[in-house]
Amino acid sequence: MFVEFDQMPDHARVWVYMADRQFSADERSVIHSILGAFTAEWAAHGVPLRASYTLAEDRFLILAVDESHHTPSGCSIDSSVGALRQIREATGIDFLDRKGVPFYSEDGIGVVRLEELKQKYRDGVWDGQSLTFNTLAKTVGEFRSAWKVPAENTWLKRYMEPKFC
């Protein structure tokens, strides 16, 4: 059963997916159509899930389930991936490529590939103060309170090398 995202409790579980590119207003409508239908019918072992989603920055999809109502099963989580594949078929947008790290800038959202993180750090493309997005958020509360965070406060700090004079 669909619940508006702002009505989801802070303890609700989230999955954050980043699109391989920014999506357009028309694509946003398609995504809303697919996810609206999916979350309205999402169930685990025949029990409806209290589910929601939101789109952020025209680049991210945040899917949420209130586990205090009912816990999603492995099969129900797999079905959510099916909805993402349906979006890819309808729009060409891939939400399943997890090899990019998003950084926020005045020019928009840039993505650095995992294998390029150290070199891009050395090149000054990003640093500890660069804002990134908490794509590892586990709950709605964590998403709400720590969505944009400095890279030095995330797992990215392991890619930061000491600067020598």
N, C-alpha and C. Protein backbone atom coordinates (compact mmCIF):
# COMPACT_ATOMS: atom_id res chain seq x y z
N MET A 1 0.83 -1.17 0.00
CA MET A 1 0.00 0.00 0.00
C MET A 1 0.88 1.23 0.00
N PHE A 2 0.61 2.13 -0.89
CA PHE A 2 1.41 3.34 -1.04
C PHE A 2 1.10 4.31 0.08
N VAL A 3 2.14 4.92 0.62
CA VAL A 3 2.06 5.97 1.63
C VAL A 3 2.94 7.11 1.12
N GLU A 4 2.46 8.33 1.26
CA GLU A 4 3.29 9.48 0.84
C GLU A 4 4.63 9.44 1.58
N PHE A 5 5.70 9.78 0.89
CA PHE A 5 7.03 9.68 1.47
C PHE A 5 7.16 10.51 2.75
N ASP A 6 6.57 11.69 2.76
CA ASP A 6 6.70 12.53 3.95
C ASP A 6 5.92 11.97 5.14
N GLN A 7 5.12 10.95 4.92
CA GLN A 7 4.38 10.29 6.00
C GLN A 7 5.09 9.03 6.51
N MET A 8 6.18 8.68 5.87
CA MET A 8 6.94 7.50 6.30
C MET A 8 7.69 7.82 7.59
N PRO A 9 7.72 6.86 8.53
CA PRO A 9 8.44 7.10 9.79
C PRO A 9 9.95 7.07 9.55
N ASP A 10 10.68 7.74 10.45
CA ASP A 10 12.13 7.80 10.32
C ASP A 10 12.78 6.42 10.33
N HIS A 11 12.18 5.44 11.00
CA HIS A 11 12.79 4.12 11.08
C HIS A 11 12.55 3.26 9.83
N ALA A 12 11.74 3.74 8.89
CA ALA A 12 11.46 2.97 7.67
C ALA A 12 12.76 2.72 6.90
N ARG A 13 12.88 1.55 6.35
CA ARG A 13 14.06 1.15 5.59
C ARG A 13 14.06 1.80 4.21
N VAL A 14 15.23 2.20 3.73
CA VAL A 14 15.32 2.77 2.40
C VAL A 14 16.38 2.08 1.56
N TRP A 15 16.17 2.16 0.26
CA TRP A 15 17.15 1.78 -0.75
C TRP A 15 17.31 3.01 -1.64
N VAL A 16 18.54 3.43 -1.83
CA VAL A 16 18.81 4.62 -2.65
C VAL A 16 19.44 4.16 -3.95
N TYR A 17 18.86 4.59 -5.04
CA TYR A 17 19.38 4.25 -6.36
C TYR A 17 19.69 5.53 -7.12
N MET A 18 20.86 5.56 -7.75
CA MET A 18 21.26 6.70 -8.56
C MET A 18 21.11 6.34 -10.03
N ALA A 19 20.51 7.24 -10.77
CA ALA A 19 20.36 7.05 -12.22
C ALA A 19 21.68 7.31 -12.91
N ASP A 20 21.87 6.67 -14.04
CA ASP A 20 23.11 6.86 -14.79
C ASP A 20 23.17 8.22 -15.49
N ARG A 21 22.09 8.96 -15.39
CA ARG A 21 22.04 10.32 -15.94
C ARG A 21 20.85 11.05 -15.33
N GLN A 22 20.83 12.34 -15.49
CA GLN A 22 19.68 13.12 -15.03
C GLN A 22 18.48 12.75 -15.88
N PHE A 23 17.30 12.73 -15.26
CA PHE A 23 16.12 12.41 -16.06
C PHE A 23 15.27 13.66 -16.31
N SER A 24 14.53 13.61 -17.41
CA SER A 24 13.70 14.73 -17.85
C SER A 24 12.34 14.70 -17.16
N ALA A 25 11.58 15.77 -17.35
CA ALA A 25 10.23 15.84 -16.79
C ALA A 25 9.35 14.72 -17.35
N ASP A 26 9.47 14.43 -18.65
CA ASP A 26 8.69 13.34 -19.24
C ASP A 26 9.09 12.00 -18.64
N GLU A 27 10.38 11.79 -18.46
CA GLU A 27 10.85 10.54 -17.86
C GLU A 27 10.43 10.45 -16.39
N ARG A 28 10.42 11.58 -15.72
CA ARG A 28 9.95 11.62 -14.33
C ARG A 28 8.50 11.12 -14.25
N SER A 29 7.68 11.53 -15.21
CA SER A 29 6.28 11.09 -15.24
C SER A 29 6.19 9.58 -15.43
N VAL A 30 7.02 9.03 -16.30
CA VAL A 30 7.04 7.58 -16.52
C VAL A 30 7.47 6.86 -15.24
N ILE A 31 8.50 7.38 -14.58
CA ILE A 31 9.00 6.78 -13.34
C ILE A 31 7.90 6.80 -12.29
N HIS A 32 7.22 7.95 -12.15
CA HIS A 32 6.12 8.04 -11.18
C HIS A 32 5.02 7.02 -11.49
N SER A 33 4.71 6.87 -12.75
CA SER A 33 3.66 5.93 -13.14
C SER A 33 4.03 4.50 -12.75
N ILE A 34 5.25 4.10 -13.08
CA ILE A 34 5.70 2.74 -12.80
C ILE A 34 5.81 2.51 -11.30
N LEU A 35 6.46 3.43 -10.59
CA LEU A 35 6.65 3.23 -9.14
C LEU A 35 5.36 3.41 -8.35
N GLY A 36 4.49 4.28 -8.82
CA GLY A 36 3.19 4.43 -8.15
C GLY A 36 2.41 3.13 -8.19
N ALA A 37 2.36 2.52 -9.35
CA ALA A 37 1.66 1.24 -9.49
C ALA A 37 2.37 0.15 -8.69
N PHE A 38 3.69 0.13 -8.74
CA PHE A 38 4.44 -0.89 -8.02
C PHE A 38 4.23 -0.79 -6.51
N THR A 39 4.44 0.40 -5.95
CA THR A 39 4.33 0.54 -4.49
C THR A 39 2.91 0.34 -3.99
N ALA A 40 1.93 0.64 -4.81
CA ALA A 40 0.53 0.42 -4.41
C ALA A 40 0.22 -1.07 -4.24
N GLU A 41 0.91 -1.91 -4.99
CA GLU A 41 0.66 -3.36 -4.97
C GLU A 41 1.77 -4.17 -4.33
N TRP A 42 2.84 -3.54 -3.89
CA TRP A 42 4.00 -4.26 -3.35
C TRP A 42 3.60 -5.06 -2.13
N ALA A 43 3.96 -6.32 -2.13
CA ALA A 43 3.59 -7.21 -1.02
C ALA A 43 4.70 -8.22 -0.76
N ALA A 44 4.70 -8.76 0.45
CA ALA A 44 5.62 -9.84 0.83
C ALA A 44 4.79 -11.00 1.31
N HIS A 45 4.86 -12.11 0.61
CA HIS A 45 4.08 -13.31 0.94
C HIS A 45 2.59 -12.98 1.06
N GLY A 46 2.12 -12.16 0.13
CA GLY A 46 0.70 -11.81 0.07
C GLY A 46 0.27 -10.72 1.03
N VAL A 47 1.17 -10.22 1.88
CA VAL A 47 0.82 -9.15 2.82
C VAL A 47 1.30 -7.83 2.23
N PRO A 48 0.39 -6.86 2.08
CA PRO A 48 0.80 -5.57 1.52
C PRO A 48 1.87 -4.89 2.37
N LEU A 49 2.82 -4.26 1.71
CA LEU A 49 3.87 -3.50 2.39
C LEU A 49 3.48 -2.03 2.41
N ARG A 50 3.74 -1.37 3.53
CA ARG A 50 3.59 0.09 3.59
C ARG A 50 4.83 0.65 2.91
N ALA A 51 4.66 1.11 1.71
CA ALA A 51 5.80 1.48 0.87
C ALA A 51 5.63 2.87 0.29
N SER A 52 6.76 3.45 -0.05
CA SER A 52 6.76 4.75 -0.68
C SER A 52 8.03 4.92 -1.51
N TYR A 53 8.10 6.04 -2.17
CA TYR A 53 9.31 6.39 -2.92
C TYR A 53 9.30 7.90 -3.08
N THR A 54 10.46 8.42 -3.37
CA THR A 54 10.58 9.81 -3.76
C THR A 54 11.71 9.91 -4.77
N LEU A 55 11.68 10.95 -5.55
CA LEU A 55 12.73 11.23 -6.51
C LEU A 55 13.46 12.48 -6.03
N ALA A 56 14.77 12.47 -6.09
CA ALA A 56 15.56 13.61 -5.62
C ALA A 56 16.54 14.06 -6.69
N GLU A 57 16.65 15.36 -6.83
CA GLU A 57 17.66 15.96 -7.71
C GLU A 57 17.56 15.52 -9.16
N ASP A 58 16.43 14.99 -9.59
CA ASP A 58 16.27 14.45 -10.95
C ASP A 58 17.36 13.44 -11.27
N ARG A 59 17.84 12.75 -10.23
CA ARG A 59 18.93 11.80 -10.42
C ARG A 59 18.82 10.57 -9.52
N PHE A 60 18.05 10.68 -8.44
CA PHE A 60 17.99 9.61 -7.45
C PHE A 60 16.57 9.14 -7.22
N LEU A 61 16.46 7.85 -6.94
CA LEU A 61 15.20 7.24 -6.56
C LEU A 61 15.40 6.65 -5.17
N ILE A 62 14.54 7.01 -4.24
CA ILE A 62 14.62 6.50 -2.88
C ILE A 62 13.34 5.70 -2.64
N LEU A 63 13.50 4.41 -2.40
CA LEU A 63 12.40 3.49 -2.17
C LEU A 63 12.36 3.19 -0.68
N ALA A 64 11.17 3.20 -0.06
CA ALA A 64 11.07 3.01 1.38
C ALA A 64 9.99 2.00 1.75
N VAL A 65 10.24 1.28 2.84
CA VAL A 65 9.27 0.33 3.40
C VAL A 65 9.25 0.49 4.91
N ASP A 66 8.06 0.60 5.47
CA ASP A 66 7.89 0.65 6.93
C ASP A 66 7.88 -0.78 7.44
N GLU A 67 9.02 -1.24 7.92
CA GLU A 67 9.15 -2.63 8.37
C GLU A 67 8.39 -2.91 9.66
N SER A 68 7.94 -1.87 10.37
CA SER A 68 7.15 -2.13 11.58
C SER A 68 5.75 -2.62 11.21
N HIS A 69 5.34 -2.36 9.98
CA HIS A 69 4.05 -2.87 9.49
C HIS A 69 4.20 -4.31 9.02
N HIS A 70 5.18 -4.54 8.16
CA HIS A 70 5.50 -5.88 7.67
C HIS A 70 6.87 -5.82 7.01
N THR A 71 7.67 -6.85 7.21
CA THR A 71 9.02 -6.89 6.69
C THR A 71 9.03 -7.42 5.25
N PRO A 72 9.74 -6.75 4.36
CA PRO A 72 9.83 -7.28 3.00
C PRO A 72 10.66 -8.56 2.98
N SER A 73 10.30 -9.46 2.11
CA SER A 73 11.03 -10.72 1.94
C SER A 73 12.05 -10.56 0.81
N GLY A 74 12.91 -11.53 0.69
CA GLY A 74 13.87 -11.52 -0.41
C GLY A 74 13.19 -11.44 -1.76
N CYS A 75 12.11 -12.18 -1.91
CA CYS A 75 11.38 -12.16 -3.19
C CYS A 75 10.74 -10.79 -3.45
N SER A 76 10.23 -10.16 -2.39
CA SER A 76 9.61 -8.86 -2.60
C SER A 76 10.66 -7.80 -2.93
N ILE A 77 11.84 -7.92 -2.32
CA ILE A 77 12.93 -6.99 -2.65
C ILE A 77 13.36 -7.21 -4.09
N ASP A 78 13.45 -8.47 -4.51
CA ASP A 78 13.77 -8.77 -5.91
C ASP A 78 12.75 -8.15 -6.86
N SER A 79 11.48 -8.14 -6.44
CA SER A 79 10.45 -7.57 -7.31
C SER A 79 10.65 -6.07 -7.48
N SER A 80 11.24 -5.40 -6.47
CA SER A 80 11.51 -3.97 -6.62
C SER A 80 12.56 -3.74 -7.70
N VAL A 81 13.53 -4.63 -7.79
CA VAL A 81 14.53 -4.54 -8.84
C VAL A 81 13.86 -4.72 -10.21
N GLY A 82 12.83 -5.56 -10.24
CA GLY A 82 12.06 -5.72 -11.47
C GLY A 82 11.42 -4.40 -11.90
N ALA A 83 10.94 -3.62 -10.94
CA ALA A 83 10.36 -2.32 -11.26
C ALA A 83 11.42 -1.38 -11.84
N LEU A 84 12.64 -1.47 -11.31
CA LEU A 84 13.73 -0.64 -11.85
C LEU A 84 14.07 -1.05 -13.27
N ARG A 85 14.01 -2.33 -13.53
CA ARG A 85 14.26 -2.80 -14.91
C ARG A 85 13.15 -2.34 -15.84
N GLN A 86 11.94 -2.31 -15.34
CA GLN A 86 10.82 -1.82 -16.13
C GLN A 86 11.03 -0.35 -16.49
N ILE A 87 11.53 0.43 -15.53
CA ILE A 87 11.84 1.84 -15.80
C ILE A 87 12.92 1.93 -16.87
N ARG A 88 13.94 1.08 -16.79
CA ARG A 88 15.02 1.10 -17.79
C ARG A 88 14.45 0.79 -19.17
N GLU A 89 13.57 -0.19 -19.26
CA GLU A 89 12.99 -0.54 -20.56
C GLU A 89 12.17 0.60 -21.14
N ALA A 90 11.46 1.35 -20.26
CA ALA A 90 10.59 2.42 -20.73
C ALA A 90 11.34 3.71 -21.02
N THR A 91 12.47 3.94 -20.33
CA THR A 91 13.14 5.25 -20.44
C THR A 91 14.60 5.17 -20.87
N GLY A 92 15.22 4.02 -20.72
CA GLY A 92 16.65 3.89 -20.97
C GLY A 92 17.49 4.29 -19.77
N ILE A 93 16.86 4.69 -18.67
CA ILE A 93 17.60 5.10 -17.47
C ILE A 93 17.96 3.86 -16.66
N ASP A 94 19.24 3.76 -16.30
CA ASP A 94 19.72 2.63 -15.51
C ASP A 94 19.93 3.08 -14.06
N PHE A 95 19.19 2.47 -13.14
CA PHE A 95 19.34 2.75 -11.71
C PHE A 95 20.18 1.68 -11.02
N LEU A 96 20.71 0.74 -11.75
CA LEU A 96 21.38 -0.40 -11.12
C LEU A 96 22.90 -0.39 -11.25
N ASP A 97 23.47 0.59 -11.91
CA ASP A 97 24.93 0.70 -12.01
C ASP A 97 25.43 1.37 -10.74
N ARG A 98 26.14 0.64 -9.90
CA ARG A 98 26.59 1.14 -8.59
C ARG A 98 28.08 1.54 -8.61
N LYS A 99 28.64 1.79 -9.78
CA LYS A 99 30.08 2.06 -9.86
C LYS A 99 30.43 3.53 -9.93
N GLY A 100 29.46 4.41 -9.74
CA GLY A 100 29.73 5.83 -9.77
C GLY A 100 29.47 6.49 -8.43
N VAL A 101 30.22 7.52 -8.12
CA VAL A 101 30.06 8.28 -6.88
C VAL A 101 29.62 9.69 -7.25
N PRO A 102 28.46 10.10 -6.77
CA PRO A 102 27.97 11.44 -7.12
C PRO A 102 28.55 12.52 -6.23
N PHE A 103 28.88 13.66 -6.84
CA PHE A 103 29.33 14.84 -6.11
C PHE A 103 28.47 16.02 -6.54
N TYR A 104 28.11 16.84 -5.58
CA TYR A 104 27.29 18.01 -5.85
C TYR A 104 28.20 19.20 -6.12
N SER A 105 27.85 19.98 -7.13
CA SER A 105 28.58 21.21 -7.43
C SER A 105 27.59 22.25 -7.91
N GLU A 106 28.07 23.47 -8.07
CA GLU A 106 27.22 24.54 -8.57
C GLU A 106 26.70 24.23 -9.97
N ASP A 107 27.44 23.42 -10.71
CA ASP A 107 27.07 23.07 -12.08
C ASP A 107 26.13 21.88 -12.15
N GLY A 108 25.81 21.28 -11.02
CA GLY A 108 24.95 20.11 -11.00
C GLY A 108 25.63 18.94 -10.32
N ILE A 109 25.21 17.77 -10.68
CA ILE A 109 25.75 16.56 -10.07
C ILE A 109 26.73 15.92 -11.04
N GLY A 110 27.96 15.78 -10.56
CA GLY A 110 28.98 15.09 -11.33
C GLY A 110 29.18 13.71 -10.74
N VAL A 111 29.61 12.79 -11.56
CA VAL A 111 29.83 11.42 -11.11
C VAL A 111 31.26 11.02 -11.42
N VAL A 112 31.93 10.46 -10.41
CA VAL A 112 33.28 9.94 -10.57
C VAL A 112 33.19 8.43 -10.45
N ARG A 113 33.75 7.73 -11.40
CA ARG A 113 33.74 6.27 -11.37
C ARG A 113 34.63 5.79 -10.21
N LEU A 114 34.26 4.70 -9.58
CA LEU A 114 35.02 4.16 -8.45
C LEU A 114 36.50 3.99 -8.76
N GLU A 115 36.79 3.47 -9.93
CA GLU A 115 38.19 3.20 -10.29
C GLU A 115 39.00 4.49 -10.51
N GLU A 116 38.32 5.64 -10.60
CA GLU A 116 38.99 6.91 -10.83
C GLU A 116 39.07 7.79 -9.58
N LEU A 117 38.52 7.32 -8.46
CA LEU A 117 38.42 8.17 -7.27
C LEU A 117 39.76 8.73 -6.80
N LYS A 118 40.76 7.88 -6.65
CA LYS A 118 42.06 8.35 -6.15
C LYS A 118 42.69 9.37 -7.09
N GLN A 119 42.66 9.07 -8.39
CA GLN A 119 43.28 10.00 -9.34
C GLN A 119 42.51 11.32 -9.38
N LYS A 120 41.20 11.26 -9.35
CA LYS A 120 40.40 12.50 -9.38
C LYS A 120 40.62 13.32 -8.10
N TYR A 121 40.88 12.64 -6.98
CA TYR A 121 41.23 13.33 -5.75
C TYR A 121 42.57 14.06 -5.94
N ARG A 122 43.57 13.34 -6.46
CA ARG A 122 44.89 13.95 -6.71
C ARG A 122 44.78 15.13 -7.68
N ASP A 123 43.87 15.00 -8.66
CA ASP A 123 43.70 16.06 -9.67
C ASP A 123 42.89 17.25 -9.14
N GLY A 124 42.36 17.12 -7.92
CA GLY A 124 41.58 18.22 -7.33
C GLY A 124 40.15 18.30 -7.78
N VAL A 125 39.65 17.24 -8.41
CA VAL A 125 38.25 17.23 -8.86
C VAL A 125 37.33 17.20 -7.64
N TRP A 126 37.75 16.53 -6.59
CA TRP A 126 36.99 16.49 -5.35
C TRP A 126 37.97 16.50 -4.17
N ASP A 127 37.44 16.90 -3.01
CA ASP A 127 38.25 16.89 -1.79
C ASP A 127 37.33 16.57 -0.61
N GLY A 128 37.87 16.68 0.58
CA GLY A 128 37.10 16.32 1.76
C GLY A 128 35.87 17.15 1.98
N GLN A 129 35.86 18.38 1.49
CA GLN A 129 34.71 19.26 1.66
C GLN A 129 33.68 19.13 0.53
N SER A 130 34.02 18.39 -0.50
CA SER A 130 33.08 18.19 -1.60
C SER A 130 31.83 17.48 -1.08
N LEU A 131 30.68 18.03 -1.43
CA LEU A 131 29.44 17.39 -1.00
C LEU A 131 29.14 16.19 -1.88
N THR A 132 28.80 15.12 -1.22
CA THR A 132 28.37 13.91 -1.91
C THR A 132 27.00 13.53 -1.35
N PHE A 133 26.41 12.53 -1.91
CA PHE A 133 25.08 12.10 -1.51
C PHE A 133 25.18 10.78 -0.76
N ASN A 134 24.43 10.66 0.30
CA ASN A 134 24.47 9.48 1.15
C ASN A 134 23.65 8.36 0.52
N THR A 135 24.21 7.74 -0.49
CA THR A 135 23.51 6.66 -1.18
C THR A 135 23.51 5.37 -0.36
N LEU A 136 24.18 5.38 0.80
CA LEU A 136 24.20 4.21 1.69
C LEU A 136 23.23 4.37 2.86
N ALA A 137 22.39 5.41 2.83
CA ALA A 137 21.40 5.60 3.90
C ALA A 137 20.59 4.32 4.08
N LYS A 138 20.34 3.97 5.32
CA LYS A 138 19.59 2.75 5.63
C LYS A 138 18.14 3.02 6.02
N THR A 139 17.87 4.24 6.51
CA THR A 139 16.51 4.58 6.98
C THR A 139 16.06 5.92 6.39
N VAL A 140 14.78 6.13 6.45
CA VAL A 140 14.22 7.41 6.01
C VAL A 140 14.80 8.53 6.86
N GLY A 141 14.95 8.31 8.17
CA GLY A 141 15.52 9.33 9.04
C GLY A 141 16.92 9.71 8.65
N GLU A 142 17.74 8.71 8.32
CA GLU A 142 19.11 8.97 7.88
C GLU A 142 19.10 9.73 6.56
N PHE A 143 18.21 9.36 5.66
CA PHE A 143 18.08 10.08 4.39
C PHE A 143 17.71 11.54 4.66
N ARG A 144 16.74 11.76 5.53
CA ARG A 144 16.29 13.13 5.82
C ARG A 144 17.37 13.97 6.49
N SER A 145 18.14 13.38 7.39
CA SER A 145 19.08 14.17 8.19
C SER A 145 20.47 14.27 7.58
N ALA A 146 20.82 13.35 6.70
CA ALA A 146 22.19 13.33 6.18
C ALA A 146 22.20 12.95 4.70
N TRP A 147 21.47 13.68 3.89
CA TRP A 147 21.41 13.37 2.47
C TRP A 147 22.64 13.88 1.74
N LYS A 148 22.98 15.16 1.94
CA LYS A 148 24.20 15.73 1.35
C LYS A 148 25.21 15.88 2.46
N VAL A 149 26.36 15.25 2.29
CA VAL A 149 27.38 15.26 3.34
C VAL A 149 28.77 15.49 2.73
N PRO A 150 29.67 16.13 3.50
CA PRO A 150 31.03 16.27 3.01
C PRO A 150 31.69 14.90 2.83
N ALA A 151 32.46 14.75 1.79
CA ALA A 151 33.10 13.46 1.48
C ALA A 151 33.92 12.95 2.66
N GLU A 152 34.57 13.85 3.40
CA GLU A 152 35.42 13.41 4.52
C GLU A 152 34.62 12.76 5.65
N ASN A 153 33.31 12.90 5.64
CA ASN A 153 32.46 12.28 6.66
C ASN A 153 31.80 10.99 6.16
N THR A 154 32.33 10.44 5.08
CA THR A 154 31.76 9.23 4.49
C THR A 154 32.86 8.20 4.26
N TRP A 155 32.47 7.09 3.68
CA TRP A 155 33.41 6.03 3.33
C TRP A 155 34.47 6.51 2.34
N LEU A 156 34.23 7.65 1.69
CA LEU A 156 35.18 8.18 0.71
C LEU A 156 36.48 8.64 1.34
N LYS A 157 36.50 8.84 2.65
CA LYS A 157 37.73 9.31 3.30
C LYS A 157 38.89 8.34 3.10
N ARG A 158 38.60 7.08 2.85
CA ARG A 158 39.69 6.12 2.62
C ARG A 158 40.41 6.37 1.28
N TYR A 159 39.78 7.16 0.40
CA TYR A 159 40.42 7.49 -0.88
C TYR A 159 41.20 8.80 -0.81
N MET A 160 41.11 9.45 0.33
CA MET A 160 41.78 10.73 0.48
C MET A 160 43.21 10.50 0.99
N GLU A 161 44.15 11.03 0.26
CA GLU A 161 45.56 10.89 0.63
C GLU A 161 46.00 12.15 1.34
N PRO A 162 46.93 12.05 2.27
CA PRO A 162 47.43 13.26 2.93
C PRO A 162 48.09 14.18 1.92
N LYS A 163 47.83 15.45 2.08
CA LYS A 163 48.46 16.46 1.20
C LYS A 163 49.77 16.89 1.84
N PHE A 164 50.84 16.88 1.07
CA PHE A 164 52.14 17.29 1.57
C PHE A 164 52.52 18.62 0.95
N CYS A 165 53.19 19.43 1.73
CA CYS A 165 53.62 20.76 1.26
C CYS A 165 54.83 20.65 0.37
